[in-house]
């Protein structure tokens, strides 16, 4: 099975239904870092015809700074404001899949804007899975000095009520391939 952390191509990538893009609905992918938001968003762009916005990449491009630099120089609160500003900018558009930063759903302003502009899909994974996916990544400032399953579990539990309140749909990503996850999402 091709887990979403795998870099291999899927066996049958054309079977994802591409008609959902025609509804012009935005799909906001939320969830903890490492849950698969970026991977799934890229696949939905490629196979289902959505336009893609990768929020962290867009913020880096707009500010000409890495996320870790924004955190270091201006703090998390400033970064969260940049996320809110970007969601406000995205919201009037249609037909996008948006890979949101892990903390986007912590803001009621963001959740309200996302729900008004489309469907909010929570991608969920076990802390152990998250750890395996992020352990060698150094672009996640909230985990950089705390990469343990225990710390990841604490952060997930802190965010869980916000994620659940925001989600129109919950999709588990553990031990599933990209195509299977996308098929679940497109059944909304």
N, C-alpha and C. Protein backbone atom coordinates (compact mmCIF):
# COMPACT_ATOMS: atom_id res chain seq x y z
N UNK A 1 0.85 -1.18 0.00
CA UNK A 1 0.00 0.00 0.00
C UNK A 1 0.89 1.24 0.00
N UNK A 2 0.52 2.22 -0.78
CA UNK A 2 1.27 3.48 -0.81
C UNK A 2 0.71 4.43 0.22
N UNK A 3 1.38 4.53 1.35
CA UNK A 3 0.97 5.46 2.39
C UNK A 3 1.23 6.87 1.89
N UNK A 4 0.55 7.86 2.46
CA UNK A 4 0.72 9.23 1.97
C UNK A 4 2.12 9.76 2.20
N UNK A 5 2.91 9.13 3.06
CA UNK A 5 4.28 9.58 3.27
C UNK A 5 5.21 9.01 2.21
N UNK A 6 4.70 8.13 1.36
CA UNK A 6 5.51 7.50 0.33
C UNK A 6 5.69 8.44 -0.86
N UNK A 7 6.82 8.33 -1.52
CA UNK A 7 7.07 9.15 -2.71
C UNK A 7 6.77 8.40 -3.99
N UNK A 8 6.25 7.17 -3.91
CA UNK A 8 5.99 6.39 -5.10
C UNK A 8 4.68 6.80 -5.75
N UNK A 9 4.60 6.57 -7.05
CA UNK A 9 3.38 6.87 -7.80
C UNK A 9 2.31 5.84 -7.48
N UNK A 10 1.08 6.24 -7.54
CA UNK A 10 -0.03 5.34 -7.30
C UNK A 10 -0.28 4.46 -8.51
N UNK A 11 -0.84 3.28 -8.28
CA UNK A 11 -1.10 2.32 -9.35
C UNK A 11 -2.15 2.82 -10.33
N UNK A 12 -3.23 3.43 -9.83
CA UNK A 12 -4.35 3.81 -10.69
C UNK A 12 -4.78 5.24 -10.39
N UNK A 13 -3.95 6.24 -10.72
CA UNK A 13 -4.23 7.61 -10.31
C UNK A 13 -5.40 8.26 -11.03
N UNK A 14 -5.91 7.69 -12.08
CA UNK A 14 -6.97 8.36 -12.83
C UNK A 14 -8.36 8.05 -12.32
N UNK A 15 -8.49 7.19 -11.30
CA UNK A 15 -9.83 6.81 -10.87
C UNK A 15 -10.48 7.80 -9.91
N UNK A 16 -9.76 8.84 -9.49
CA UNK A 16 -10.37 9.85 -8.64
C UNK A 16 -11.36 10.65 -9.47
N UNK A 17 -12.56 10.82 -8.95
CA UNK A 17 -13.62 11.54 -9.65
C UNK A 17 -13.25 13.01 -9.78
N UNK A 18 -13.18 13.51 -11.01
CA UNK A 18 -12.78 14.89 -11.21
C UNK A 18 -13.97 15.83 -11.35
N UNK A 19 -15.18 15.34 -11.15
CA UNK A 19 -16.35 16.20 -11.35
C UNK A 19 -16.59 17.15 -10.19
N UNK A 20 -16.02 16.89 -9.02
CA UNK A 20 -16.26 17.77 -7.87
C UNK A 20 -15.74 19.18 -8.14
N UNK A 21 -14.66 19.33 -8.90
CA UNK A 21 -14.11 20.64 -9.21
C UNK A 21 -15.15 21.50 -9.92
N UNK A 22 -16.02 20.85 -10.69
CA UNK A 22 -17.03 21.59 -11.43
C UNK A 22 -18.04 22.28 -10.51
N UNK A 23 -18.13 21.84 -9.27
CA UNK A 23 -19.06 22.47 -8.34
C UNK A 23 -18.55 23.83 -7.87
N UNK A 24 -17.29 24.14 -8.18
CA UNK A 24 -16.67 25.40 -7.79
C UNK A 24 -16.56 25.57 -6.28
N UNK A 25 -16.65 24.50 -5.56
CA UNK A 25 -16.51 24.57 -4.12
C UNK A 25 -15.03 24.58 -3.74
N UNK A 26 -14.70 25.37 -2.75
CA UNK A 26 -13.35 25.31 -2.19
C UNK A 26 -13.30 24.17 -1.18
N UNK A 27 -12.16 23.51 -1.11
CA UNK A 27 -11.91 22.50 -0.09
C UNK A 27 -10.76 22.98 0.77
N UNK A 28 -11.04 23.21 2.04
CA UNK A 28 -10.01 23.63 3.00
C UNK A 28 -9.55 22.40 3.78
N UNK A 29 -8.30 22.01 3.61
CA UNK A 29 -7.76 20.86 4.32
C UNK A 29 -7.10 21.36 5.60
N UNK A 30 -7.62 20.90 6.73
CA UNK A 30 -7.07 21.29 8.03
C UNK A 30 -6.56 20.03 8.73
N UNK A 31 -5.79 20.24 9.78
CA UNK A 31 -5.28 19.13 10.57
C UNK A 31 -3.88 19.43 11.06
N UNK A 32 -3.39 18.56 11.89
CA UNK A 32 -2.08 18.74 12.48
C UNK A 32 -1.00 18.61 11.41
N UNK A 33 0.13 19.25 11.64
CA UNK A 33 1.24 19.14 10.70
C UNK A 33 1.60 17.66 10.53
N UNK A 34 1.85 17.28 9.30
CA UNK A 34 2.17 15.89 9.03
C UNK A 34 0.97 14.99 8.81
N UNK A 35 -0.23 15.53 8.85
CA UNK A 35 -1.43 14.71 8.64
C UNK A 35 -1.64 14.38 7.16
N UNK A 36 -0.99 15.10 6.27
CA UNK A 36 -1.09 14.82 4.84
C UNK A 36 -1.73 15.92 4.01
N UNK A 37 -1.91 17.09 4.58
CA UNK A 37 -2.63 18.16 3.88
C UNK A 37 -1.96 18.53 2.55
N UNK A 38 -0.67 18.74 2.56
CA UNK A 38 0.04 19.15 1.34
C UNK A 38 0.01 18.05 0.28
N UNK A 39 0.25 16.83 0.69
CA UNK A 39 0.25 15.70 -0.24
C UNK A 39 -1.12 15.54 -0.89
N UNK A 40 -2.17 15.58 -0.09
CA UNK A 40 -3.53 15.41 -0.60
C UNK A 40 -3.92 16.59 -1.49
N UNK A 41 -3.55 17.79 -1.09
CA UNK A 41 -3.88 18.97 -1.89
C UNK A 41 -3.22 18.89 -3.28
N UNK A 42 -1.96 18.49 -3.32
CA UNK A 42 -1.27 18.36 -4.62
C UNK A 42 -1.96 17.31 -5.51
N UNK A 43 -2.37 16.22 -4.90
CA UNK A 43 -3.04 15.17 -5.66
C UNK A 43 -4.39 15.65 -6.19
N UNK A 44 -5.15 16.35 -5.37
CA UNK A 44 -6.44 16.88 -5.82
C UNK A 44 -6.25 17.89 -6.94
N UNK A 45 -5.19 18.66 -6.89
CA UNK A 45 -4.88 19.59 -7.98
C UNK A 45 -4.60 18.82 -9.26
N UNK A 46 -3.73 17.82 -9.15
CA UNK A 46 -3.29 17.08 -10.33
C UNK A 46 -4.39 16.22 -10.93
N UNK A 47 -5.14 15.53 -10.09
CA UNK A 47 -6.08 14.52 -10.58
C UNK A 47 -7.53 14.96 -10.63
N UNK A 48 -7.90 15.98 -9.87
CA UNK A 48 -9.30 16.40 -9.85
C UNK A 48 -9.49 17.82 -10.37
N UNK A 49 -8.41 18.46 -10.76
CA UNK A 49 -8.50 19.75 -11.43
C UNK A 49 -8.68 20.97 -10.55
N UNK A 50 -8.50 20.83 -9.25
CA UNK A 50 -8.59 21.99 -8.37
C UNK A 50 -7.38 22.89 -8.57
N UNK A 51 -7.56 24.17 -8.36
CA UNK A 51 -6.43 25.07 -8.24
C UNK A 51 -5.91 24.91 -6.81
N UNK A 52 -4.63 25.09 -6.62
CA UNK A 52 -4.01 24.80 -5.32
C UNK A 52 -3.45 26.05 -4.66
N UNK A 53 -3.74 26.18 -3.38
CA UNK A 53 -3.06 27.17 -2.55
C UNK A 53 -2.49 26.44 -1.35
N UNK A 54 -1.20 26.48 -1.23
CA UNK A 54 -0.47 25.92 -0.10
C UNK A 54 -0.19 27.12 0.82
N UNK A 55 -0.95 27.23 1.90
CA UNK A 55 -0.90 28.45 2.72
C UNK A 55 0.50 28.79 3.22
N UNK A 56 1.21 27.81 3.77
CA UNK A 56 2.55 28.11 4.29
C UNK A 56 3.47 28.61 3.18
N UNK A 57 3.43 27.96 2.03
CA UNK A 57 4.26 28.39 0.90
C UNK A 57 3.88 29.78 0.42
N UNK A 58 2.57 30.04 0.39
CA UNK A 58 2.11 31.36 -0.04
C UNK A 58 2.57 32.46 0.92
N UNK A 59 2.50 32.17 2.21
CA UNK A 59 2.96 33.15 3.21
C UNK A 59 4.47 33.36 3.07
N UNK A 60 5.21 32.28 2.85
CA UNK A 60 6.66 32.42 2.65
C UNK A 60 6.95 33.28 1.42
N UNK A 61 6.21 33.03 0.35
CA UNK A 61 6.39 33.81 -0.87
C UNK A 61 6.02 35.28 -0.65
N UNK A 62 4.89 35.51 0.00
CA UNK A 62 4.43 36.89 0.23
C UNK A 62 5.36 37.69 1.13
N UNK A 63 5.96 37.03 2.11
CA UNK A 63 6.82 37.72 3.08
C UNK A 63 8.30 37.63 2.75
N UNK A 64 8.63 36.75 1.78
CA UNK A 64 10.03 36.49 1.44
C UNK A 64 10.80 35.99 2.66
N UNK A 65 10.12 35.21 3.50
CA UNK A 65 10.72 34.65 4.71
C UNK A 65 10.23 33.22 4.89
N UNK A 66 11.06 32.38 5.49
CA UNK A 66 10.64 31.04 5.88
C UNK A 66 9.71 31.17 7.09
N UNK A 67 8.82 30.19 7.26
CA UNK A 67 7.90 30.19 8.41
C UNK A 67 8.70 30.25 9.71
N UNK A 68 9.77 29.49 9.79
CA UNK A 68 10.59 29.49 11.01
C UNK A 68 11.18 30.87 11.28
N UNK A 69 11.53 31.61 10.24
CA UNK A 69 12.05 32.97 10.41
C UNK A 69 10.96 33.91 10.91
N UNK A 70 9.76 33.75 10.39
CA UNK A 70 8.63 34.58 10.85
C UNK A 70 8.39 34.34 12.33
N UNK A 71 8.37 33.06 12.74
CA UNK A 71 8.20 32.72 14.15
C UNK A 71 9.32 33.33 14.99
N UNK A 72 10.56 33.18 14.54
CA UNK A 72 11.72 33.68 15.29
C UNK A 72 11.71 35.21 15.42
N UNK A 73 11.41 35.89 14.33
CA UNK A 73 11.51 37.35 14.32
C UNK A 73 10.25 38.07 14.83
N UNK A 74 9.08 37.48 14.58
CA UNK A 74 7.84 38.19 14.89
C UNK A 74 6.90 37.44 15.83
N UNK A 75 7.14 36.15 16.02
CA UNK A 75 6.32 35.36 16.94
C UNK A 75 5.16 34.67 16.26
N UNK A 76 4.59 33.73 17.00
CA UNK A 76 3.48 32.94 16.47
C UNK A 76 2.24 33.79 16.21
N UNK A 77 1.97 34.74 17.08
CA UNK A 77 0.77 35.58 16.90
C UNK A 77 0.78 36.31 15.57
N UNK A 78 1.93 36.84 15.19
CA UNK A 78 2.06 37.54 13.91
C UNK A 78 1.82 36.56 12.75
N UNK A 79 2.39 35.37 12.86
CA UNK A 79 2.19 34.36 11.82
C UNK A 79 0.71 34.02 11.69
N UNK A 80 0.02 33.86 12.82
CA UNK A 80 -1.41 33.52 12.78
C UNK A 80 -2.22 34.64 12.11
N UNK A 81 -1.80 35.88 12.28
CA UNK A 81 -2.47 37.00 11.61
C UNK A 81 -2.26 36.91 10.09
N UNK A 82 -1.06 36.53 9.69
CA UNK A 82 -0.80 36.36 8.26
C UNK A 82 -1.70 35.26 7.67
N UNK A 83 -1.92 34.19 8.44
CA UNK A 83 -2.82 33.13 7.99
C UNK A 83 -4.25 33.67 7.82
N UNK A 84 -4.71 34.43 8.80
CA UNK A 84 -6.06 34.99 8.74
C UNK A 84 -6.21 35.92 7.55
N UNK A 85 -5.20 36.75 7.31
CA UNK A 85 -5.24 37.66 6.16
C UNK A 85 -5.31 36.87 4.85
N UNK A 86 -4.56 35.79 4.76
CA UNK A 86 -4.55 34.99 3.54
C UNK A 86 -5.90 34.30 3.34
N UNK A 87 -6.49 33.79 4.38
CA UNK A 87 -7.83 33.16 4.24
C UNK A 87 -8.85 34.18 3.77
N UNK A 88 -8.77 35.39 4.29
CA UNK A 88 -9.68 36.45 3.84
C UNK A 88 -9.49 36.74 2.35
N UNK A 89 -8.26 36.68 1.91
CA UNK A 89 -7.96 36.92 0.50
C UNK A 89 -8.43 35.76 -0.39
N UNK A 90 -8.31 34.54 0.11
CA UNK A 90 -8.69 33.35 -0.65
C UNK A 90 -10.20 33.19 -0.74
N UNK A 91 -10.90 33.48 0.31
CA UNK A 91 -12.32 33.15 0.47
C UNK A 91 -13.23 33.51 -0.70
N UNK A 92 -13.07 34.65 -1.36
CA UNK A 92 -13.99 34.96 -2.46
C UNK A 92 -13.79 34.08 -3.70
N UNK A 93 -12.66 33.37 -3.78
CA UNK A 93 -12.37 32.54 -4.94
C UNK A 93 -13.12 31.22 -4.87
N UNK A 94 -13.19 30.52 -6.00
CA UNK A 94 -13.89 29.24 -6.06
C UNK A 94 -13.03 28.22 -6.80
N UNK A 95 -13.26 26.95 -6.47
CA UNK A 95 -12.58 25.87 -7.17
C UNK A 95 -11.17 25.60 -6.70
N UNK A 96 -10.87 25.98 -5.46
CA UNK A 96 -9.53 25.79 -4.90
C UNK A 96 -9.52 24.67 -3.87
N UNK A 97 -8.38 23.99 -3.79
CA UNK A 97 -8.07 23.17 -2.64
C UNK A 97 -6.98 23.93 -1.90
N UNK A 98 -7.22 24.15 -0.62
CA UNK A 98 -6.32 24.96 0.20
C UNK A 98 -5.74 24.08 1.29
N UNK A 99 -4.43 23.92 1.26
CA UNK A 99 -3.73 23.21 2.32
C UNK A 99 -3.41 24.23 3.40
N UNK A 100 -4.15 24.14 4.49
CA UNK A 100 -4.04 25.13 5.57
C UNK A 100 -2.92 24.77 6.53
N UNK A 101 -2.37 25.78 7.18
CA UNK A 101 -1.41 25.54 8.24
C UNK A 101 -2.10 24.83 9.39
N UNK A 102 -1.32 24.11 10.19
CA UNK A 102 -1.86 23.30 11.27
C UNK A 102 -2.65 24.06 12.31
N UNK A 103 -2.40 25.36 12.47
CA UNK A 103 -3.08 26.14 13.49
C UNK A 103 -4.24 26.99 12.99
N UNK A 104 -4.54 26.92 11.71
CA UNK A 104 -5.58 27.77 11.12
C UNK A 104 -6.92 27.63 11.83
N UNK A 105 -7.29 26.41 12.19
CA UNK A 105 -8.60 26.17 12.78
C UNK A 105 -8.70 26.64 14.23
N UNK A 106 -7.63 27.14 14.80
CA UNK A 106 -7.65 27.65 16.17
C UNK A 106 -8.35 29.01 16.24
N UNK A 107 -8.54 29.64 15.11
CA UNK A 107 -9.17 30.96 15.05
C UNK A 107 -10.60 30.84 14.53
N UNK A 108 -11.55 31.33 15.33
CA UNK A 108 -12.96 31.33 14.91
C UNK A 108 -13.17 32.18 13.67
N UNK A 109 -12.42 33.25 13.53
CA UNK A 109 -12.51 34.10 12.33
C UNK A 109 -12.16 33.28 11.10
N UNK A 110 -11.08 32.49 11.19
CA UNK A 110 -10.69 31.65 10.06
C UNK A 110 -11.74 30.60 9.76
N UNK A 111 -12.25 29.94 10.80
CA UNK A 111 -13.23 28.87 10.61
C UNK A 111 -14.48 29.43 9.95
N UNK A 112 -14.95 30.55 10.41
CA UNK A 112 -16.15 31.17 9.83
C UNK A 112 -15.93 31.48 8.34
N UNK A 113 -14.78 32.03 8.00
CA UNK A 113 -14.47 32.38 6.61
C UNK A 113 -14.36 31.12 5.75
N UNK A 114 -13.73 30.08 6.29
CA UNK A 114 -13.58 28.84 5.52
C UNK A 114 -14.94 28.19 5.26
N UNK A 115 -15.77 28.13 6.29
CA UNK A 115 -17.09 27.49 6.14
C UNK A 115 -17.98 28.26 5.16
N UNK A 116 -17.84 29.57 5.14
CA UNK A 116 -18.61 30.39 4.21
C UNK A 116 -18.14 30.17 2.77
N UNK A 117 -16.84 29.88 2.61
CA UNK A 117 -16.26 29.78 1.27
C UNK A 117 -16.16 28.36 0.73
N UNK A 118 -16.48 27.35 1.54
CA UNK A 118 -16.36 25.98 1.04
C UNK A 118 -16.52 24.95 2.14
N UNK A 119 -15.96 23.78 1.90
CA UNK A 119 -16.01 22.67 2.85
C UNK A 119 -14.69 22.58 3.59
N UNK A 120 -14.77 22.26 4.88
CA UNK A 120 -13.58 22.12 5.72
C UNK A 120 -13.40 20.64 6.01
N UNK A 121 -12.27 20.10 5.58
CA UNK A 121 -12.00 18.68 5.75
C UNK A 121 -10.82 18.52 6.71
N UNK A 122 -11.06 17.79 7.79
CA UNK A 122 -10.02 17.50 8.77
C UNK A 122 -9.32 16.21 8.37
N UNK A 123 -8.02 16.31 8.10
CA UNK A 123 -7.20 15.13 7.89
C UNK A 123 -6.57 14.78 9.23
N UNK A 124 -6.81 13.56 9.67
CA UNK A 124 -6.40 13.15 11.00
C UNK A 124 -5.44 11.97 10.91
N UNK A 125 -4.45 11.96 11.80
CA UNK A 125 -3.50 10.84 11.89
C UNK A 125 -3.09 10.67 13.34
N UNK A 126 -2.69 9.45 13.68
CA UNK A 126 -2.21 9.16 15.04
C UNK A 126 -0.90 9.90 15.30
N UNK A 127 -0.63 10.24 16.56
CA UNK A 127 0.63 10.92 16.90
C UNK A 127 1.87 10.16 16.43
N UNK A 128 1.83 8.84 16.50
CA UNK A 128 2.98 8.04 16.06
C UNK A 128 3.22 8.20 14.56
N UNK A 129 2.13 8.28 13.80
CA UNK A 129 2.24 8.49 12.36
C UNK A 129 2.80 9.87 12.07
N UNK A 130 2.28 10.87 12.78
CA UNK A 130 2.77 12.23 12.61
C UNK A 130 4.27 12.29 12.88
N UNK A 131 4.67 11.70 13.98
CA UNK A 131 6.10 11.70 14.34
C UNK A 131 6.94 11.12 13.20
N UNK A 132 6.54 9.98 12.67
CA UNK A 132 7.30 9.35 11.59
C UNK A 132 7.39 10.25 10.37
N UNK A 133 6.34 11.00 10.10
CA UNK A 133 6.30 11.87 8.92
C UNK A 133 7.12 13.15 9.10
N UNK A 134 7.27 13.64 10.32
CA UNK A 134 7.93 14.94 10.53
C UNK A 134 9.29 14.86 11.20
N UNK A 135 9.71 13.70 11.64
CA UNK A 135 10.92 13.59 12.47
C UNK A 135 12.18 14.13 11.81
N UNK A 136 12.27 14.07 10.50
CA UNK A 136 13.47 14.56 9.81
C UNK A 136 13.27 15.94 9.18
N UNK A 137 12.13 16.57 9.44
CA UNK A 137 11.81 17.87 8.87
C UNK A 137 12.17 18.96 9.88
N UNK A 138 12.82 20.02 9.39
CA UNK A 138 13.22 21.12 10.27
C UNK A 138 12.49 22.42 9.95
N UNK A 139 11.38 22.32 9.24
CA UNK A 139 10.59 23.50 8.87
C UNK A 139 9.32 23.62 9.68
N UNK A 140 9.29 23.03 10.85
CA UNK A 140 8.10 23.05 11.70
C UNK A 140 8.48 23.63 13.05
N UNK A 141 8.40 24.96 13.17
CA UNK A 141 8.93 25.63 14.36
C UNK A 141 8.33 25.18 15.68
N UNK A 142 7.06 24.79 15.69
CA UNK A 142 6.46 24.38 16.96
C UNK A 142 6.97 23.03 17.44
N UNK A 143 7.57 22.26 16.54
CA UNK A 143 8.09 20.94 16.92
C UNK A 143 9.61 20.87 16.97
N UNK A 144 10.28 21.88 16.47
CA UNK A 144 11.72 21.78 16.25
C UNK A 144 12.50 21.25 17.45
N UNK A 145 12.22 21.71 18.63
CA UNK A 145 12.97 21.24 19.80
C UNK A 145 12.16 20.27 20.66
N UNK A 146 11.06 19.77 20.11
CA UNK A 146 10.16 18.89 20.87
C UNK A 146 9.63 17.74 20.03
N UNK A 147 10.46 17.14 19.21
CA UNK A 147 9.98 16.07 18.33
C UNK A 147 9.90 14.76 19.07
N UNK A 148 8.82 14.62 19.83
CA UNK A 148 8.53 13.37 20.51
C UNK A 148 7.05 13.05 20.32
N UNK A 149 6.71 11.78 20.39
CA UNK A 149 5.32 11.37 20.28
C UNK A 149 4.50 12.01 21.40
N UNK A 150 5.09 12.10 22.59
CA UNK A 150 4.38 12.67 23.74
C UNK A 150 4.03 14.15 23.49
N UNK A 151 4.97 14.93 23.00
CA UNK A 151 4.71 16.34 22.75
C UNK A 151 3.69 16.51 21.62
N UNK A 152 3.86 15.73 20.57
CA UNK A 152 2.90 15.78 19.46
C UNK A 152 1.50 15.45 19.97
N UNK A 153 1.40 14.43 20.81
CA UNK A 153 0.10 14.05 21.40
C UNK A 153 -0.50 15.21 22.17
N UNK A 154 0.32 15.91 22.98
CA UNK A 154 -0.17 17.05 23.76
C UNK A 154 -0.72 18.14 22.85
N UNK A 155 0.01 18.47 21.79
CA UNK A 155 -0.44 19.53 20.87
C UNK A 155 -1.72 19.11 20.14
N UNK A 156 -1.76 17.87 19.71
CA UNK A 156 -2.97 17.39 19.02
C UNK A 156 -4.18 17.48 19.94
N UNK A 157 -4.02 17.03 21.17
CA UNK A 157 -5.13 17.06 22.13
C UNK A 157 -5.58 18.48 22.42
N UNK A 158 -4.65 19.41 22.46
CA UNK A 158 -4.98 20.82 22.68
C UNK A 158 -5.80 21.37 21.50
N UNK A 159 -5.46 20.95 20.30
CA UNK A 159 -6.12 21.45 19.10
C UNK A 159 -7.37 20.67 18.71
N UNK A 160 -7.49 19.43 19.17
CA UNK A 160 -8.58 18.55 18.74
C UNK A 160 -9.96 19.20 18.79
N UNK A 161 -10.35 19.87 19.90
CA UNK A 161 -11.70 20.46 19.93
C UNK A 161 -11.91 21.50 18.83
N UNK A 162 -10.87 22.24 18.49
CA UNK A 162 -10.97 23.25 17.43
C UNK A 162 -11.11 22.58 16.07
N UNK A 163 -10.28 21.55 15.84
CA UNK A 163 -10.36 20.82 14.58
C UNK A 163 -11.75 20.21 14.39
N UNK A 164 -12.26 19.56 15.43
CA UNK A 164 -13.55 18.89 15.33
C UNK A 164 -14.69 19.89 15.11
N UNK A 165 -14.60 21.03 15.79
CA UNK A 165 -15.64 22.06 15.63
C UNK A 165 -15.64 22.66 14.22
N UNK A 166 -14.48 22.73 13.61
CA UNK A 166 -14.36 23.34 12.29
C UNK A 166 -14.74 22.38 11.16
N UNK A 167 -14.55 21.09 11.37
CA UNK A 167 -14.63 20.11 10.28
C UNK A 167 -16.06 19.83 9.81
N UNK A 168 -16.22 19.85 8.49
CA UNK A 168 -17.44 19.36 7.87
C UNK A 168 -17.32 17.86 7.61
N UNK A 169 -16.08 17.39 7.50
CA UNK A 169 -15.80 15.98 7.25
C UNK A 169 -14.46 15.65 7.90
N UNK A 170 -14.36 14.43 8.44
CA UNK A 170 -13.12 13.96 9.03
C UNK A 170 -12.64 12.75 8.24
N UNK A 171 -11.38 12.78 7.83
CA UNK A 171 -10.79 11.69 7.06
C UNK A 171 -9.53 11.23 7.78
N UNK A 172 -9.51 9.97 8.15
CA UNK A 172 -8.32 9.38 8.77
C UNK A 172 -7.30 9.08 7.67
N UNK A 173 -6.03 9.42 7.90
CA UNK A 173 -5.02 9.21 6.87
C UNK A 173 -4.04 8.09 7.19
N UNK A 174 -4.13 7.52 8.38
CA UNK A 174 -3.22 6.43 8.74
C UNK A 174 -3.42 5.24 7.80
N UNK A 175 -2.32 4.71 7.30
CA UNK A 175 -2.33 3.46 6.52
C UNK A 175 -3.26 3.49 5.31
N UNK A 176 -3.44 4.65 4.72
CA UNK A 176 -4.25 4.77 3.50
C UNK A 176 -3.38 5.41 2.43
N UNK A 177 -3.65 5.03 1.18
CA UNK A 177 -2.92 5.69 0.11
C UNK A 177 -3.63 6.99 -0.28
N UNK A 178 -2.95 7.78 -1.05
CA UNK A 178 -3.44 9.11 -1.42
C UNK A 178 -4.77 9.01 -2.16
N UNK A 179 -4.87 8.08 -3.08
CA UNK A 179 -6.09 7.96 -3.86
C UNK A 179 -7.29 7.62 -2.98
N UNK A 180 -7.11 6.72 -2.05
CA UNK A 180 -8.19 6.34 -1.15
C UNK A 180 -8.68 7.55 -0.33
N UNK A 181 -7.75 8.33 0.15
CA UNK A 181 -8.09 9.53 0.93
C UNK A 181 -8.84 10.53 0.06
N UNK A 182 -8.36 10.73 -1.15
CA UNK A 182 -9.03 11.68 -2.05
C UNK A 182 -10.43 11.22 -2.43
N UNK A 183 -10.61 9.94 -2.62
CA UNK A 183 -11.95 9.43 -2.92
C UNK A 183 -12.90 9.70 -1.77
N UNK A 184 -12.44 9.54 -0.54
CA UNK A 184 -13.28 9.87 0.64
C UNK A 184 -13.64 11.34 0.64
N UNK A 185 -12.67 12.19 0.34
CA UNK A 185 -12.91 13.63 0.36
C UNK A 185 -13.94 14.02 -0.70
N UNK A 186 -13.82 13.50 -1.87
CA UNK A 186 -14.67 13.90 -3.00
C UNK A 186 -16.09 13.34 -2.90
N UNK A 187 -16.36 12.52 -1.91
CA UNK A 187 -17.72 12.00 -1.69
C UNK A 187 -18.59 12.97 -0.90
N UNK A 188 -18.07 14.14 -0.56
CA UNK A 188 -18.84 15.08 0.25
C UNK A 188 -20.13 15.43 -0.46
